[in-house]
Amino acid sequence: MIDQQRLFQSEGIEKLTAELKKFLNETRSKLKSCERRKFMAKVVLFMGRGGQIRAERELGWDRKTIIKGTKELTSGIDCIDNFCGRGRHRVEKKLQHLLDDIKQIVQPVSQCDPTFRTTELYSPLTAAEVHRRLCEEKNYPHDQLPTVRTISNKLNQMGLRLKKVVKCKPKKKFLRQMKSSHMSTQRIKSPMKPKG
């Protein structure tokens, strides 16, 4: 086990052993948000000159996080993480009329299930065709539109299944007879003729 008091009383951390690296990374992983950044900044300060580069190279820490932690240490003000601001927003938030325009393109050609077993609508248009029509008919710029895969997902979410529309096929009234059964019925029906 590493003696923490002796570690922090030294003038600087000269050599990072494998045991020390493991200890520092485990301690860092147990902390959250501003406490983690402050811990990383303290360790870098103990490393001395060139500590940020060494921490990045030897410990795998991010230099931007270390800089943010150093600013928090010096100012005494903790930064609040904006977790809800991360990630991509939905397409509907960026292009507000997109779903309405897709409906206007797809609904005139969509059909219900020919067997009337489900209430789903089927459309002969593919997602690529809808993408093309959005560019041509609705004047969307090509670089602003989402990908074809995203349009396909939105069509599925709206309940418009993209399948070829199949016409109803009438059921056959009679089953097809096999050759062997056909031959046997002919033999039974025709009377045997006497020879001679």
C-alpha atoms as a PDB file:
ATOM      1  CA  MET A   1       0.000   0.000   0.000  1.00  0.00           C
ATOM      2  CA  ILE A   2       1.213   3.534  -0.776  1.00  0.00           C
ATOM      3  CA  ASP A   3       1.793   5.958   2.086  1.00  0.00           C
ATOM      4  CA  GLN A   4      -0.304   8.993   1.042  1.00  0.00           C
ATOM      5  CA  GLN A   5       1.260  11.398   3.553  1.00  0.00           C
ATOM      6  CA  ARG A   6       4.769  10.763   2.254  1.00  0.00           C
ATOM      7  CA  LEU A   7       3.511  11.049  -1.331  1.00  0.00           C
ATOM      8  CA  PHE A   8       2.069  14.537  -0.895  1.00  0.00           C
ATOM      9  CA  GLN A   9       4.894  15.855   1.331  1.00  0.00           C
ATOM     10  CA  SER A  10       7.456  15.291  -1.403  1.00  0.00           C
ATOM     11  CA  GLU A  11       8.441  18.205  -3.651  1.00  0.00           C
ATOM     12  CA  GLY A  12       7.101  16.569  -6.790  1.00  0.00           C
ATOM     13  CA  ILE A  13       6.213  13.198  -8.187  1.00  0.00           C
ATOM     14  CA  GLU A  14       9.307  12.241 -10.128  1.00  0.00           C
ATOM     15  CA  LYS A  15       8.473   8.725 -11.239  1.00  0.00           C
ATOM     16  CA  LEU A  16       5.032   7.213 -11.693  1.00  0.00           C
ATOM     17  CA  THR A  17       5.198   3.525 -10.870  1.00  0.00           C
ATOM     18  CA  ALA A  18       2.560   1.077 -12.035  1.00  0.00           C
ATOM     19  CA  GLU A  19       1.221   0.863  -8.470  1.00  0.00           C
ATOM     20  CA  LEU A  20       0.944   4.655  -8.196  1.00  0.00           C
ATOM     21  CA  LYS A  21      -0.780   4.934 -11.607  1.00  0.00           C
ATOM     22  CA  LYS A  22      -3.311   2.314 -10.563  1.00  0.00           C
ATOM     23  CA  PHE A  23      -3.970   4.124  -7.263  1.00  0.00           C
ATOM     24  CA  LEU A  24      -4.445   7.517  -8.932  1.00  0.00           C
ATOM     25  CA  ASN A  25      -6.790   6.175 -11.644  1.00  0.00           C
ATOM     26  CA  GLU A  26      -8.879   4.203  -9.122  1.00  0.00           C
ATOM     27  CA  THR A  27      -9.241   7.249  -6.888  1.00  0.00           C
ATOM     28  CA  ARG A  28     -10.164   9.414  -9.873  1.00  0.00           C
ATOM     29  CA  SER A  29     -12.825   6.931 -11.045  1.00  0.00           C
ATOM     30  CA  LYS A  30     -14.525   6.965  -7.608  1.00  0.00           C
ATOM     31  CA  LEU A  31     -14.997  10.744  -7.666  1.00  0.00           C
ATOM     32  CA  LYS A  32     -17.649  12.631  -9.637  1.00  0.00           C
ATOM     33  CA  SER A  33     -17.802  15.959 -11.554  1.00  0.00           C
ATOM     34  CA  CYS A  34     -15.989  18.897  -9.902  1.00  0.00           C
ATOM     35  CA  GLU A  35     -14.378  16.722  -7.197  1.00  0.00           C
ATOM     36  CA  ARG A  36     -12.797  14.565  -9.896  1.00  0.00           C
ATOM     37  CA  ARG A  37     -11.473  17.592 -11.790  1.00  0.00           C
ATOM     38  CA  LYS A  38     -10.058  19.148  -8.612  1.00  0.00           C
ATOM     39  CA  PHE A  39      -8.319  15.886  -7.700  1.00  0.00           C
ATOM     40  CA  MET A  40      -6.781  15.678 -11.166  1.00  0.00           C
ATOM     41  CA  ALA A  41      -5.604  19.305 -10.912  1.00  0.00           C
ATOM     42  CA  LYS A  42      -4.000  18.664  -7.476  1.00  0.00           C
ATOM     43  CA  VAL A  43      -2.145  15.622  -8.789  1.00  0.00           C
ATOM     44  CA  VAL A  44      -0.872  17.605 -11.774  1.00  0.00           C
ATOM     45  CA  LEU A  45       0.288  20.398  -9.466  1.00  0.00           C
ATOM     46  CA  PHE A  46       2.187  17.831  -7.341  1.00  0.00           C
ATOM     47  CA  MET A  47       3.851  16.507 -10.491  1.00  0.00           C
ATOM     48  CA  GLY A  48       5.396  19.906 -11.029  1.00  0.00           C
ATOM     49  CA  ARG A  49       6.525  21.417 -14.310  1.00  0.00           C
ATOM     50  CA  GLY A  50       5.073  19.607 -17.349  1.00  0.00           C
ATOM     51  CA  GLY A  51       2.555  17.787 -15.175  1.00  0.00           C
ATOM     52  CA  GLN A  52      -0.334  18.143 -17.629  1.00  0.00           C
ATOM     53  CA  ILE A  53       1.592  16.529 -20.463  1.00  0.00           C
ATOM     54  CA  ARG A  54       2.833  13.727 -18.174  1.00  0.00           C
ATOM     55  CA  ALA A  55      -0.675  13.093 -16.832  1.00  0.00           C
ATOM     56  CA  GLU A  56      -2.035  12.935 -20.356  1.00  0.00           C
ATOM     57  CA  ARG A  57       0.709  10.609 -21.588  1.00  0.00           C
ATOM     58  CA  GLU A  58       1.208   8.359 -18.557  1.00  0.00           C
ATOM     59  CA  LEU A  59      -2.210   8.327 -16.876  1.00  0.00           C
ATOM     60  CA  GLY A  60      -4.441   8.856 -19.921  1.00  0.00           C
ATOM     61  CA  TRP A  61      -6.161  11.952 -18.488  1.00  0.00           C
ATOM     62  CA  ASP A  62      -7.685  14.657 -20.682  1.00  0.00           C
ATOM     63  CA  ARG A  63      -5.814  17.972 -20.616  1.00  0.00           C
ATOM     64  CA  LYS A  64      -8.981  20.029 -21.064  1.00  0.00           C
ATOM     65  CA  THR A  65     -10.448  18.448 -17.936  1.00  0.00           C
ATOM     66  CA  ILE A  66      -7.232  19.153 -16.029  1.00  0.00           C
ATOM     67  CA  ILE A  67      -7.274  22.815 -17.148  1.00  0.00           C
ATOM     68  CA  LYS A  68     -10.908  23.148 -16.066  1.00  0.00           C
ATOM     69  CA  GLY A  69     -10.056  21.609 -12.671  1.00  0.00           C
ATOM     70  CA  THR A  70      -7.093  23.976 -12.241  1.00  0.00           C
ATOM     71  CA  LYS A  71      -9.371  26.967 -12.902  1.00  0.00           C
ATOM     72  CA  GLU A  72     -11.846  25.624 -10.341  1.00  0.00           C
ATOM     73  CA  LEU A  73      -9.036  25.282  -7.780  1.00  0.00           C
ATOM     74  CA  THR A  74      -7.668  28.768  -8.289  1.00  0.00           C
ATOM     75  CA  SER A  75     -11.015  30.596  -8.451  1.00  0.00           C
ATOM     76  CA  GLY A  76     -12.864  28.564  -5.822  1.00  0.00           C
ATOM     77  CA  ILE A  77     -15.959  28.423  -8.052  1.00  0.00           C
ATOM     78  CA  ASP A  78     -17.249  24.992  -9.081  1.00  0.00           C
ATOM     79  CA  CYS A  79     -18.508  24.540 -12.643  1.00  0.00           C
ATOM     80  CA  ILE A  80     -21.886  22.855 -13.026  1.00  0.00           C
ATOM     81  CA  ASP A  81     -22.040  20.138 -15.669  1.00  0.00           C
ATOM     82  CA  ASN A  82     -24.646  20.590 -18.401  1.00  0.00           C
ATOM     83  CA  PHE A  83     -25.639  16.959 -18.929  1.00  0.00           C
ATOM     84  CA  CYS A  84     -29.065  17.793 -20.398  1.00  0.00           C
ATOM     85  CA  GLY A  85     -27.418  19.915 -23.107  1.00  0.00           C
ATOM     86  CA  ARG A  86     -25.464  16.979 -24.495  1.00  0.00           C
ATOM     87  CA  GLY A  87     -26.391  14.768 -27.409  1.00  0.00           C
ATOM     88  CA  ARG A  88     -28.236  15.364 -30.638  1.00  0.00           C
ATOM     89  CA  HIS A  89     -31.719  16.769 -30.778  1.00  0.00           C
ATOM     90  CA  ARG A  90     -34.477  15.105 -32.757  1.00  0.00           C
ATOM     91  CA  VAL A  91     -35.022  16.069 -36.371  1.00  0.00           C
ATOM     92  CA  GLU A  92     -38.484  17.411 -35.548  1.00  0.00           C
ATOM     93  CA  LYS A  93     -36.923  20.032 -33.281  1.00  0.00           C
ATOM     94  CA  LYS A  94     -34.591  21.259 -36.020  1.00  0.00           C
ATOM     95  CA  LEU A  95     -37.063  21.033 -38.943  1.00  0.00           C
ATOM     96  CA  GLN A  96     -40.482  21.664 -37.414  1.00  0.00           C
ATOM     97  CA  HIS A  97     -42.636  21.025 -40.517  1.00  0.00           C
ATOM     98  CA  LEU A  98     -40.756  17.931 -41.717  1.00  0.00           C
ATOM     99  CA  LEU A  99     -43.227  15.329 -40.417  1.00  0.00           C
ATOM    100  CA  ASP A 100     -46.196  17.219 -41.877  1.00  0.00           C
ATOM    101  CA  ASP A 101     -44.466  17.444 -45.252  1.00  0.00           C
ATOM    102  CA  ILE A 102     -43.670  13.716 -45.193  1.00  0.00           C
ATOM    103  CA  LYS A 103     -47.348  12.966 -44.492  1.00  0.00           C
ATOM    104  CA  GLN A 104     -48.419  15.194 -47.390  1.00  0.00           C
ATOM    105  CA  ILE A 105     -46.128  13.245 -49.731  1.00  0.00           C
ATOM    106  CA  VAL A 106     -46.934   9.719 -48.555  1.00  0.00           C
ATOM    107  CA  GLN A 107     -50.643   9.766 -47.640  1.00  0.00           C
ATOM    108  CA  PRO A 108     -52.098  10.328 -51.151  1.00  0.00           C
ATOM    109  CA  VAL A 109     -50.455   7.139 -52.425  1.00  0.00           C
ATOM    110  CA  SER A 110     -50.733   4.976 -49.296  1.00  0.00           C
ATOM    111  CA  GLN A 111     -53.231   2.126 -49.144  1.00  0.00           C
ATOM    112  CA  CYS A 112     -54.678  -0.017 -46.419  1.00  0.00           C
ATOM    113  CA  ASP A 113     -53.999  -3.709 -46.031  1.00  0.00           C
ATOM    114  CA  PRO A 114     -55.815  -5.550 -48.866  1.00  0.00           C
ATOM    115  CA  THR A 115     -57.007  -8.305 -46.493  1.00  0.00           C
ATOM    116  CA  PHE A 116     -58.354  -5.691 -44.009  1.00  0.00           C
ATOM    117  CA  ARG A 117     -56.799  -7.603 -41.122  1.00  0.00           C
ATOM    118  CA  THR A 118     -54.793  -4.611 -39.847  1.00  0.00           C
ATOM    119  CA  THR A 119     -55.259  -0.863 -39.844  1.00  0.00           C
ATOM    120  CA  GLU A 120     -51.701  -0.167 -40.998  1.00  0.00           C
ATOM    121  CA  LEU A 121     -51.126   1.854 -44.126  1.00  0.00           C
ATOM    122  CA  TYR A 122     -48.753   0.634 -46.808  1.00  0.00           C
ATOM    123  CA  SER A 123     -46.983   2.838 -49.290  1.00  0.00           C
ATOM    124  CA  PRO A 124     -45.212   1.928 -52.521  1.00  0.00           C
ATOM    125  CA  LEU A 125     -42.796   4.867 -51.991  1.00  0.00           C
ATOM    126  CA  THR A 126     -39.380   4.104 -50.573  1.00  0.00           C
ATOM    127  CA  ALA A 127     -37.601   6.327 -48.060  1.00  0.00           C
ATOM    128  CA  ALA A 128     -35.153   7.374 -50.792  1.00  0.00           C
ATOM    129  CA  GLU A 129     -38.067   8.495 -52.963  1.00  0.00           C
ATOM    130  CA  VAL A 130     -39.557  10.466 -50.058  1.00  0.00           C
ATOM    131  CA  HIS A 131     -36.137  12.091 -49.525  1.00  0.00           C
ATOM    132  CA  ARG A 132     -35.973  13.045 -53.202  1.00  0.00           C
ATOM    133  CA  ARG A 133     -39.511  14.464 -53.200  1.00  0.00           C
ATOM    134  CA  LEU A 134     -38.783  16.521 -50.091  1.00  0.00           C
ATOM    135  CA  CYS A 135     -35.894  18.140 -51.964  1.00  0.00           C
ATOM    136  CA  GLU A 136     -37.848  18.730 -55.172  1.00  0.00           C
ATOM    137  CA  GLU A 137     -41.432  19.436 -54.084  1.00  0.00           C
ATOM    138  CA  LYS A 138     -40.978  20.946 -50.618  1.00  0.00           C
ATOM    139  CA  ASN A 139     -37.731  22.814 -51.446  1.00  0.00           C
ATOM    140  CA  TYR A 140     -35.652  21.454 -48.569  1.00  0.00           C
ATOM    141  CA  PRO A 141     -31.894  21.927 -49.029  1.00  0.00           C
ATOM    142  CA  HIS A 142     -30.164  18.571 -49.454  1.00  0.00           C
ATOM    143  CA  ASP A 143     -27.626  19.268 -46.693  1.00  0.00           C
ATOM    144  CA  GLN A 144     -30.351  20.139 -44.129  1.00  0.00           C
ATOM    145  CA  LEU A 145     -32.419  16.997 -44.648  1.00  0.00           C
ATOM    146  CA  PRO A 146     -31.729  13.953 -42.488  1.00  0.00           C
ATOM    147  CA  THR A 147     -30.434  10.742 -44.019  1.00  0.00           C
ATOM    148  CA  VAL A 148     -32.628   8.235 -45.837  1.00  0.00           C
ATOM    149  CA  ARG A 149     -32.379   5.868 -42.865  1.00  0.00           C
ATOM    150  CA  THR A 150     -33.730   8.558 -40.508  1.00  0.00           C
ATOM    151  CA  ILE A 151     -36.645   9.262 -42.856  1.00  0.00           C
ATOM    152  CA  SER A 152     -37.371   5.522 -42.946  1.00  0.00           C
ATOM    153  CA  ASN A 153     -37.424   5.436 -39.127  1.00  0.00           C
ATOM    154  CA  LYS A 154     -39.763   8.441 -38.994  1.00  0.00           C
ATOM    155  CA  LEU A 155     -42.133   6.780 -41.490  1.00  0.00           C
ATOM    156  CA  ASN A 156     -42.204   3.653 -39.321  1.00  0.00           C
ATOM    157  CA  GLN A 157     -42.898   5.754 -36.210  1.00  0.00           C
ATOM    158  CA  MET A 158     -45.830   7.438 -37.973  1.00  0.00           C
ATOM    159  CA  GLY A 159     -47.299   4.019 -38.801  1.00  0.00           C
ATOM    160  CA  LEU A 160     -46.616   4.151 -42.533  1.00  0.00           C
ATOM    161  CA  ARG A 161     -45.018   0.856 -43.539  1.00  0.00           C
ATOM    162  CA  LEU A 162     -43.009   0.966 -46.723  1.00  0.00           C
ATOM    163  CA  LYS A 163     -43.960  -2.203 -48.579  1.00  0.00           C
ATOM    164  CA  LYS A 164     -45.064  -3.058 -52.040  1.00  0.00           C
ATOM    165  CA  VAL A 165     -48.828  -3.035 -52.195  1.00  0.00           C
ATOM    166  CA  VAL A 166     -49.975  -6.575 -52.983  1.00  0.00           C
ATOM    167  CA  LYS A 167     -53.281  -7.107 -54.726  1.00  0.00           C
ATOM    168  CA  CYS A 168     -55.711  -9.619 -53.275  1.00  0.00           C
ATOM    169  CA  LYS A 169     -55.285 -13.047 -54.743  1.00  0.00           C
ATOM    170  CA  PRO A 170     -58.439 -15.181 -54.989  1.00  0.00           C
ATOM    171  CA  LYS A 171     -58.280 -18.468 -53.147  1.00  0.00           C
ATOM    172  CA  LYS A 172     -58.277 -21.570 -55.267  1.00  0.00           C
ATOM    173  CA  LYS A 173     -61.481 -23.553 -55.024  1.00  0.00           C
ATOM    174  CA  PHE A 174     -60.056 -26.966 -55.769  1.00  0.00           C
ATOM    175  CA  LEU A 175     -56.824 -28.493 -54.745  1.00  0.00           C
ATOM    176  CA  ARG A 176     -54.640 -29.687 -57.577  1.00  0.00           C
ATOM    177  CA  GLN A 177     -54.710 -33.474 -57.870  1.00  0.00           C
ATOM    178  CA  MET A 178     -51.502 -35.419 -58.011  1.00  0.00           C
ATOM    179  CA  LYS A 179     -50.736 -37.472 -61.142  1.00  0.00           C
ATOM    180  CA  SER A 180     -50.897 -40.760 -59.301  1.00  0.00           C
ATOM    181  CA  SER A 181     -54.323 -40.027 -57.795  1.00  0.00           C
ATOM    182  CA  HIS A 182     -55.579 -38.837 -61.196  1.00  0.00           C
ATOM    183  CA  MET A 183     -54.474 -42.069 -62.881  1.00  0.00           C
ATOM    184  CA  SER A 184     -56.021 -44.252 -60.212  1.00  0.00           C
ATOM    185  CA  THR A 185     -59.396 -42.485 -60.505  1.00  0.00           C
ATOM    186  CA  GLN A 186     -59.393 -43.005 -64.295  1.00  0.00           C
ATOM    187  CA  ARG A 187     -58.717 -46.724 -63.910  1.00  0.00           C
ATOM    188  CA  ILE A 188     -61.532 -47.163 -61.463  1.00  0.00           C
ATOM    189  CA  LYS A 189     -64.051 -45.282 -63.588  1.00  0.00           C
ATOM    190  CA  SER A 190     -63.363 -47.058 -66.874  1.00  0.00           C
ATOM    191  CA  PRO A 191     -64.705 -50.646 -66.984  1.00  0.00           C
ATOM    192  CA  MET A 192     -62.340 -53.402 -67.976  1.00  0.00           C
ATOM    193  CA  LYS A 193     -62.774 -54.669 -71.478  1.00  0.00           C
ATOM    194  CA  PRO A 194     -62.648 -58.414 -72.050  1.00  0.00           C
ATOM    195  CA  LYS A 195     -59.932 -59.633 -74.358  1.00  0.00           C
ATOM    196  CA  GLY A 196     -60.759 -61.214 -77.616  1.00  0.00           C
END
